[in-house]
C-alpha atoms as a PDB file:
ATOM      1  CA  MET A   1       6.898  -1.408  11.821  1.00  0.00           C
ATOM      2  CA  LYS A   2       3.805  -1.609  13.912  1.00  0.00           C
ATOM      3  CA  LYS A   3       1.615  -4.307  13.761  1.00  0.00           C
ATOM      4  CA  ARG A   4      -1.283  -2.347  13.176  1.00  0.00           C
ATOM      5  CA  ALA A   5       0.622  -0.131  10.411  1.00  0.00           C
ATOM      6  CA  ARG A   6       1.240  -3.442   8.309  1.00  0.00           C
ATOM      7  CA  LEU A   7      -0.730  -4.977   5.889  1.00  0.00           C
ATOM      8  CA  THR A   8      -0.465  -8.810   6.329  1.00  0.00           C
ATOM      9  CA  ARG A   9      -3.468 -10.497   5.014  1.00  0.00           C
ATOM     10  CA  GLN A  10      -3.108 -12.049   1.510  1.00  0.00           C
ATOM     11  CA  SER A  11      -6.355 -10.891   0.279  1.00  0.00           C
ATOM     12  CA  ASP A  12      -5.261  -7.132   0.974  1.00  0.00           C
ATOM     13  CA  PHE A  13      -2.259  -7.725  -1.057  1.00  0.00           C
ATOM     14  CA  GLN A  14      -4.487  -9.051  -3.809  1.00  0.00           C
ATOM     15  CA  ARG A  15      -7.094  -6.005  -3.463  1.00  0.00           C
ATOM     16  CA  LEU A  16      -4.287  -3.697  -3.988  1.00  0.00           C
ATOM     17  CA  LEU A  17      -2.150  -5.516  -7.007  1.00  0.00           C
ATOM     18  CA  GLY A  18      -5.256  -5.729  -8.975  1.00  0.00           C
ATOM     19  CA  ARG A  19      -5.152  -1.873  -9.158  1.00  0.00           C
ATOM     20  CA  PRO A  20      -2.946  -0.229 -11.921  1.00  0.00           C
ATOM     21  CA  LYS A  21       0.675   0.787 -10.932  1.00  0.00           C
ATOM     22  CA  VAL A  22       0.609   4.454  -9.075  1.00  0.00           C
ATOM     23  CA  PHE A  23       4.186   4.811  -9.104  1.00  0.00           C
ATOM     24  CA  GLN A  24       7.030   3.485 -10.451  1.00  0.00           C
ATOM     25  CA  GLY A  25      10.017   4.558  -9.686  1.00  0.00           C
ATOM     26  CA  ARG A  26      13.873   3.481  -9.738  1.00  0.00           C
ATOM     27  CA  ALA A  27      13.682   1.192  -7.107  1.00  0.00           C
ATOM     28  CA  LEU A  28      10.040   0.296  -6.109  1.00  0.00           C
ATOM     29  CA  ILE A  29       6.616   0.069  -7.409  1.00  0.00           C
ATOM     30  CA  ALA A  30       3.636   1.250  -5.386  1.00  0.00           C
ATOM     31  CA  PHE A  31      -0.283   0.463  -5.230  1.00  0.00           C
ATOM     32  CA  GLY A  32      -2.797   2.322  -3.104  1.00  0.00           C
ATOM     33  CA  VAL A  33      -6.557   2.872  -2.057  1.00  0.00           C
ATOM     34  CA  PRO A  34      -8.383   4.983   0.383  1.00  0.00           C
ATOM     35  CA  SER A  35      -8.898   2.906   3.553  1.00  0.00           C
ATOM     36  CA  ASP A  36     -11.855   3.140   5.912  1.00  0.00           C
ATOM     37  CA  LEU A  37      -9.808   2.289   8.787  1.00  0.00           C
ATOM     38  CA  GLY A  38      -8.762   5.774   9.551  1.00  0.00           C
ATOM     39  CA  ARG A  39      -4.822   5.043   9.708  1.00  0.00           C
ATOM     40  CA  LEU A  40      -2.056   4.427   7.286  1.00  0.00           C
ATOM     41  CA  ARG A  41      -1.128   0.827   6.563  1.00  0.00           C
ATOM     42  CA  VAL A  42       1.743  -0.206   4.364  1.00  0.00           C
ATOM     43  CA  GLY A  43       2.640  -3.939   2.942  1.00  0.00           C
ATOM     44  CA  VAL A  44       6.116  -4.456   1.747  1.00  0.00           C
ATOM     45  CA  ALA A  45       7.180  -7.199  -0.885  1.00  0.00           C
ATOM     46  CA  THR A  46      10.297  -8.038  -2.859  1.00  0.00           C
ATOM     47  CA  SER A  47      10.447  -8.914  -6.463  1.00  0.00           C
ATOM     48  CA  ARG A  48      11.939 -12.271  -7.192  1.00  0.00           C
ATOM     49  CA  HIS A  49      14.054 -10.547 -10.023  1.00  0.00           C
ATOM     50  CA  ILE A  50      16.038  -9.498  -6.880  1.00  0.00           C
ATOM     51  CA  LYS A  51      18.585 -12.730  -7.086  1.00  0.00           C
ATOM     52  CA  GLY A  52      19.695 -14.336  -4.054  1.00  0.00           C
ATOM     53  CA  ALA A  53      17.495 -14.312  -0.610  1.00  0.00           C
ATOM     54  CA  VAL A  54      20.534 -12.643   1.012  1.00  0.00           C
ATOM     55  CA  ASN A  55      19.693  -9.741  -1.736  1.00  0.00           C
ATOM     56  CA  ARG A  56      15.940 -10.066  -1.383  1.00  0.00           C
ATOM     57  CA  ASN A  57      16.084  -9.964   2.469  1.00  0.00           C
ATOM     58  CA  ARG A  58      18.076  -6.696   2.438  1.00  0.00           C
ATOM     59  CA  ALA A  59      16.018  -5.078  -0.006  1.00  0.00           C
ATOM     60  CA  ARG A  60      13.100  -6.051   2.147  1.00  0.00           C
ATOM     61  CA  ARG A  61      14.919  -4.597   5.302  1.00  0.00           C
ATOM     62  CA  ARG A  62      15.635  -1.420   3.969  1.00  0.00           C
ATOM     63  CA  LEU A  63      12.238  -0.885   2.116  1.00  0.00           C
ATOM     64  CA  ARG A  64      10.520  -1.291   5.555  1.00  0.00           C
ATOM     65  CA  GLU A  65      13.002   0.880   7.312  1.00  0.00           C
ATOM     66  CA  ALA A  66      12.434   3.668   4.479  1.00  0.00           C
ATOM     67  CA  VAL A  67       8.794   3.184   4.891  1.00  0.00           C
ATOM     68  CA  ARG A  68       9.474   3.575   8.484  1.00  0.00           C
ATOM     69  CA  VAL A  69      11.189   6.521   8.543  1.00  0.00           C
ATOM     70  CA  GLY A  70       9.528   8.233   5.349  1.00  0.00           C
ATOM     71  CA  LEU A  71       5.969   7.715   6.302  1.00  0.00           C
ATOM     72  CA  LEU A  72       5.046   5.883   9.867  1.00  0.00           C
ATOM     73  CA  ASP A  73       7.069   8.245  12.004  1.00  0.00           C
ATOM     74  CA  ALA A  74       5.897  11.720   9.707  1.00  0.00           C
ATOM     75  CA  PRO A  75       2.868  13.486  11.250  1.00  0.00           C
ATOM     76  CA  GLY A  76      -0.413  13.716   9.551  1.00  0.00           C
ATOM     77  CA  SER A  77      -0.341  10.715   7.562  1.00  0.00           C
ATOM     78  CA  ALA A  78      -3.809   9.928   5.595  1.00  0.00           C
ATOM     79  CA  SER A  79      -6.117   6.956   5.743  1.00  0.00           C
ATOM     80  CA  LEU A  80      -4.180   4.619   2.499  1.00  0.00           C
ATOM     81  CA  ASP A  81      -3.709   1.158   2.175  1.00  0.00           C
ATOM     82  CA  ILE A  82      -0.045   0.901   0.170  1.00  0.00           C
ATOM     83  CA  VAL A  83       1.659  -2.087  -0.937  1.00  0.00           C
ATOM     84  CA  VAL A  84       5.107  -1.101  -2.007  1.00  0.00           C
ATOM     85  CA  ILE A  85       7.331  -3.590  -4.201  1.00  0.00           C
ATOM     86  CA  ALA A  86      11.241  -3.437  -4.298  1.00  0.00           C
ATOM     87  CA  ARG A  87      12.948  -3.939  -7.453  1.00  0.00           C
ATOM     88  CA  PRO A  88      16.410  -5.048  -8.218  1.00  0.00           C
ATOM     89  CA  GLU A  89      17.800  -1.445  -8.128  1.00  0.00           C
ATOM     90  CA  MET A  90      17.076  -1.539  -4.091  1.00  0.00           C
ATOM     91  CA  VAL A  91      20.179  -3.092  -3.114  1.00  0.00           C
ATOM     92  CA  LYS A  92      22.203  -0.870  -5.446  1.00  0.00           C
ATOM     93  CA  ILE A  93      21.394   2.636  -4.522  1.00  0.00           C
ATOM     94  CA  SER A  94      21.512   4.234  -0.693  1.00  0.00           C
ATOM     95  CA  LEU A  95      19.067   4.401   2.177  1.00  0.00           C
ATOM     96  CA  PRO A  96      18.062   8.398   1.785  1.00  0.00           C
ATOM     97  CA  LEU A  97      17.347   7.839  -1.977  1.00  0.00           C
ATOM     98  CA  VAL A  98      14.906   5.202  -1.029  1.00  0.00           C
ATOM     99  CA  THR A  99      13.472   6.990   1.190  1.00  0.00           C
ATOM    100  CA  GLU A 100      12.418   9.722  -1.069  1.00  0.00           C
ATOM    101  CA  GLU A 101      11.341   7.349  -3.304  1.00  0.00           C
ATOM    102  CA  VAL A 102       8.594   6.297  -0.923  1.00  0.00           C
ATOM    103  CA  GLN A 103       8.125  10.044   0.138  1.00  0.00           C
ATOM    104  CA  GLU A 104       7.395  10.418  -3.528  1.00  0.00           C
ATOM    105  CA  ALA A 105       5.038   7.725  -4.084  1.00  0.00           C
ATOM    106  CA  TYR A 106       2.988   8.481  -1.125  1.00  0.00           C
ATOM    107  CA  GLN A 107       2.799  11.800  -2.541  1.00  0.00           C
ATOM    108  CA  ARG A 108       1.559  10.657  -5.678  1.00  0.00           C
ATOM    109  CA  LEU A 109      -0.737   8.163  -3.733  1.00  0.00           C
ATOM    110  CA  LEU A 110      -2.603  10.888  -1.674  1.00  0.00           C
ATOM    111  CA  ARG A 111      -3.130  12.870  -5.131  1.00  0.00           C
ATOM    112  CA  ARG A 112      -4.780  10.181  -6.620  1.00  0.00           C
ATOM    113  CA  ALA A 113      -6.874   9.114  -3.477  1.00  0.00           C
END
């Protein structure tokens, strides 16, 4: 992901994680709020419930790729800040299914914004 499309500050993550869960899927949990910046920004995190550093890193990489393919490369993205957290199922399901869940979470966020 390009740097301008990422949430990097802890304060940004805390602001979003204080909100109610917007989407809770099989492989991920998503939080989101409208942004004043005029572009989509995404933060990626992994749960410590994913055992082993190798599996956590694999889940993080798969989630970043799903976000890149499913949201950032799609035309007409809205002005939102989103935090997506990988769950333990992330390492078990295929990348196309993860991408579908990311897109579904994004659609639900758009309806609530």
